[in-house]
Amino acid sequence: MFELLKWPIRLTNHTLPAIGLALFDKMLPPDQKFIRMAEQLSEELDHVLGNDGVLLYPSHSTPAPYHGQPIIKTFNFSYTAIFNVLGNPVTQVPLGLGSWGVPLGIQVVAGRNQDRNCLAVAIELERLFGGWVAPS
């Protein structure tokens, strides 16, 4: 709560969404229904990906947001957070610049404990698209 009070005067090292999430986690106990849903989704994704599949998934709903912009679109973190919750290996691959001159990329997601597949596909995509490009 103290960090929330410090946020308007910029005396905290945390973003407003991070503070809100921490408060939310502190006030509400984990819901077993959502835990079961995450377990089911994890099993389904493992079944779909198997030992040799990968998923190419957007990193964000738009090209890289400008500094401070994610506060306006708080829930866009879900593009990456879902795989943290599920425990899948993910590699972010730079693909060049978007229409605003900011970095554009994609996530390569593999099945749990299949990091080698994730990295192999990411390396190949980076080679095909030229890798990281400095933003304009």
Protein backbone atom coordinates (compact mmCIF):
# COMPACT_ATOMS: atom_id res chain seq x y z
CA MET A 1 0.00 0.00 0.00
CA PHE A 2 2.93 2.32 0.76
CA GLU A 3 4.23 1.93 -2.81
CA LEU A 4 0.81 3.00 -4.13
CA LEU A 5 1.03 6.19 -2.09
CA LYS A 6 4.53 6.88 -3.47
CA TRP A 7 3.54 6.27 -7.10
CA PRO A 8 1.82 9.65 -7.90
CA ILE A 9 4.92 11.56 -6.78
CA ARG A 10 7.28 9.18 -8.59
CA LEU A 11 9.09 7.94 -5.50
CA THR A 12 8.59 4.23 -6.24
CA ASN A 13 10.60 1.90 -8.43
CA HIS A 14 7.44 0.02 -9.42
CA THR A 15 4.85 0.60 -12.15
CA LEU A 16 1.21 1.15 -11.31
CA PRO A 17 0.18 -2.22 -12.83
CA ALA A 18 2.82 -4.02 -10.73
CA ILE A 19 1.61 -2.31 -7.57
CA GLY A 20 -2.01 -3.11 -8.44
CA LEU A 21 -1.17 -6.76 -9.07
CA ALA A 22 0.70 -7.02 -5.76
CA LEU A 23 -2.27 -5.53 -3.90
CA PHE A 24 -4.66 -7.83 -5.75
CA ASP A 25 -2.55 -10.88 -4.84
CA LYS A 26 -2.39 -9.82 -1.20
CA MET A 27 -6.15 -9.26 -0.86
CA LEU A 28 -7.45 -12.34 -2.67
CA PRO A 29 -6.36 -15.91 -1.97
CA PRO A 30 -5.58 -18.13 -4.99
CA ASP A 31 -8.79 -19.41 -6.56
CA GLN A 32 -8.65 -23.21 -6.96
CA LYS A 33 -10.89 -22.98 -10.03
CA PHE A 34 -8.29 -20.87 -11.86
CA ILE A 35 -5.46 -23.12 -10.72
CA ARG A 36 -7.28 -26.14 -12.18
CA MET A 37 -7.94 -24.21 -15.42
CA ALA A 38 -4.21 -23.41 -15.71
CA GLU A 39 -3.32 -27.06 -15.12
CA GLN A 40 -5.79 -28.18 -17.82
CA LEU A 41 -4.49 -25.59 -20.29
CA SER A 42 -0.93 -26.67 -19.57
CA GLU A 43 -1.78 -30.33 -20.24
CA GLU A 44 -3.60 -29.42 -23.45
CA LEU A 45 -0.70 -27.30 -24.72
CA ASP A 46 1.76 -30.09 -23.87
CA HIS A 47 -0.40 -32.52 -25.84
CA VAL A 48 -0.60 -30.20 -28.86
CA LEU A 49 3.14 -29.36 -28.90
CA GLY A 50 4.41 -32.81 -27.99
CA ASN A 51 8.19 -33.30 -28.03
CA ASP A 52 8.84 -31.50 -31.31
CA GLY A 53 6.23 -28.77 -31.76
CA VAL A 54 6.54 -25.03 -31.32
CA LEU A 55 4.02 -22.23 -31.23
CA LEU A 56 4.72 -18.86 -32.86
CA TYR A 57 2.87 -16.31 -30.78
CA PRO A 58 2.78 -12.49 -30.78
CA SER A 59 4.84 -10.80 -28.09
CA HIS A 60 2.35 -8.00 -27.75
CA SER A 61 -0.79 -6.74 -29.43
CA THR A 62 1.18 -3.97 -31.16
CA PRO A 63 4.83 -3.26 -32.00
CA ALA A 64 6.89 -2.36 -28.91
CA PRO A 65 5.02 0.18 -26.81
CA TYR A 66 6.63 3.50 -25.96
CA HIS A 67 7.85 4.11 -22.42
CA GLY A 68 4.88 4.42 -20.07
CA GLN A 69 2.35 3.29 -22.68
CA PRO A 70 1.74 -0.16 -21.10
CA ILE A 71 0.06 1.59 -18.17
CA ILE A 72 -2.78 2.54 -20.53
CA LYS A 73 -3.18 -1.01 -21.86
CA THR A 74 -2.57 -2.86 -18.61
CA PHE A 75 -3.70 -6.34 -19.64
CA ASN A 76 -1.51 -6.66 -22.75
CA PHE A 77 1.06 -8.31 -20.50
CA SER A 78 -1.03 -11.46 -20.91
CA TYR A 79 0.69 -12.17 -24.25
CA THR A 80 3.80 -13.15 -22.30
CA ALA A 81 2.43 -13.87 -18.83
CA ILE A 82 0.38 -16.88 -19.90
CA PHE A 83 3.51 -18.89 -20.72
CA ASN A 84 5.13 -17.89 -17.41
CA VAL A 85 2.08 -19.28 -15.62
CA LEU A 86 2.15 -22.48 -17.69
CA GLY A 87 5.91 -22.99 -17.34
CA ASN A 88 6.72 -23.23 -21.05
CA PRO A 89 10.10 -22.20 -22.46
CA VAL A 90 9.80 -19.07 -24.59
CA THR A 91 12.34 -17.20 -26.71
CA GLN A 92 11.68 -13.70 -27.96
CA VAL A 93 12.87 -13.27 -31.57
CA PRO A 94 13.47 -9.81 -33.07
CA LEU A 95 11.98 -9.52 -36.56
CA GLY A 96 12.79 -5.93 -37.48
CA LEU A 97 10.94 -2.68 -36.95
CA GLY A 98 7.21 -2.01 -36.94
CA SER A 99 5.48 0.82 -38.74
CA TRP A 100 6.29 3.22 -35.86
CA GLY A 101 10.02 2.51 -36.10
CA VAL A 102 10.02 0.45 -32.90
CA PRO A 103 11.11 -3.19 -32.51
CA LEU A 104 8.79 -5.93 -33.67
CA GLY A 105 9.17 -9.54 -32.64
CA ILE A 106 7.54 -12.86 -32.03
CA GLN A 107 7.67 -15.45 -29.28
CA VAL A 108 8.67 -19.02 -29.96
CA VAL A 109 6.99 -21.28 -27.42
CA ALA A 110 7.86 -24.95 -26.94
CA GLY A 111 6.49 -27.70 -24.73
CA ARG A 112 7.70 -27.93 -21.16
CA ASN A 113 11.33 -29.08 -20.96
CA GLN A 114 11.74 -28.69 -24.74
CA ASP A 115 14.01 -25.64 -24.57
CA ARG A 116 16.24 -27.00 -27.33
CA ASN A 117 13.34 -26.85 -29.84
CA CYS A 118 12.45 -23.34 -28.79
CA LEU A 119 16.03 -22.11 -29.19
CA ALA A 120 16.62 -23.91 -32.50
CA VAL A 121 13.55 -22.33 -34.12
CA ALA A 122 14.38 -18.92 -32.64
CA ILE A 123 17.92 -19.06 -34.07
CA GLU A 124 16.60 -19.96 -37.50
CA LEU A 125 13.97 -17.19 -37.47
CA GLU A 126 16.55 -14.65 -36.39
CA ARG A 127 18.82 -15.75 -39.24
CA LEU A 128 16.00 -15.53 -41.79
CA PHE A 129 14.80 -12.09 -40.68
CA GLY A 130 18.21 -10.52 -40.10
CA GLY A 131 18.13 -10.37 -36.31
CA TRP A 132 18.02 -7.30 -34.14
CA VAL A 133 17.75 -3.89 -35.81
CA ALA A 134 18.40 -0.65 -33.92
CA PRO A 135 15.17 1.36 -33.44
CA SER A 136 14.96 4.60 -35.38
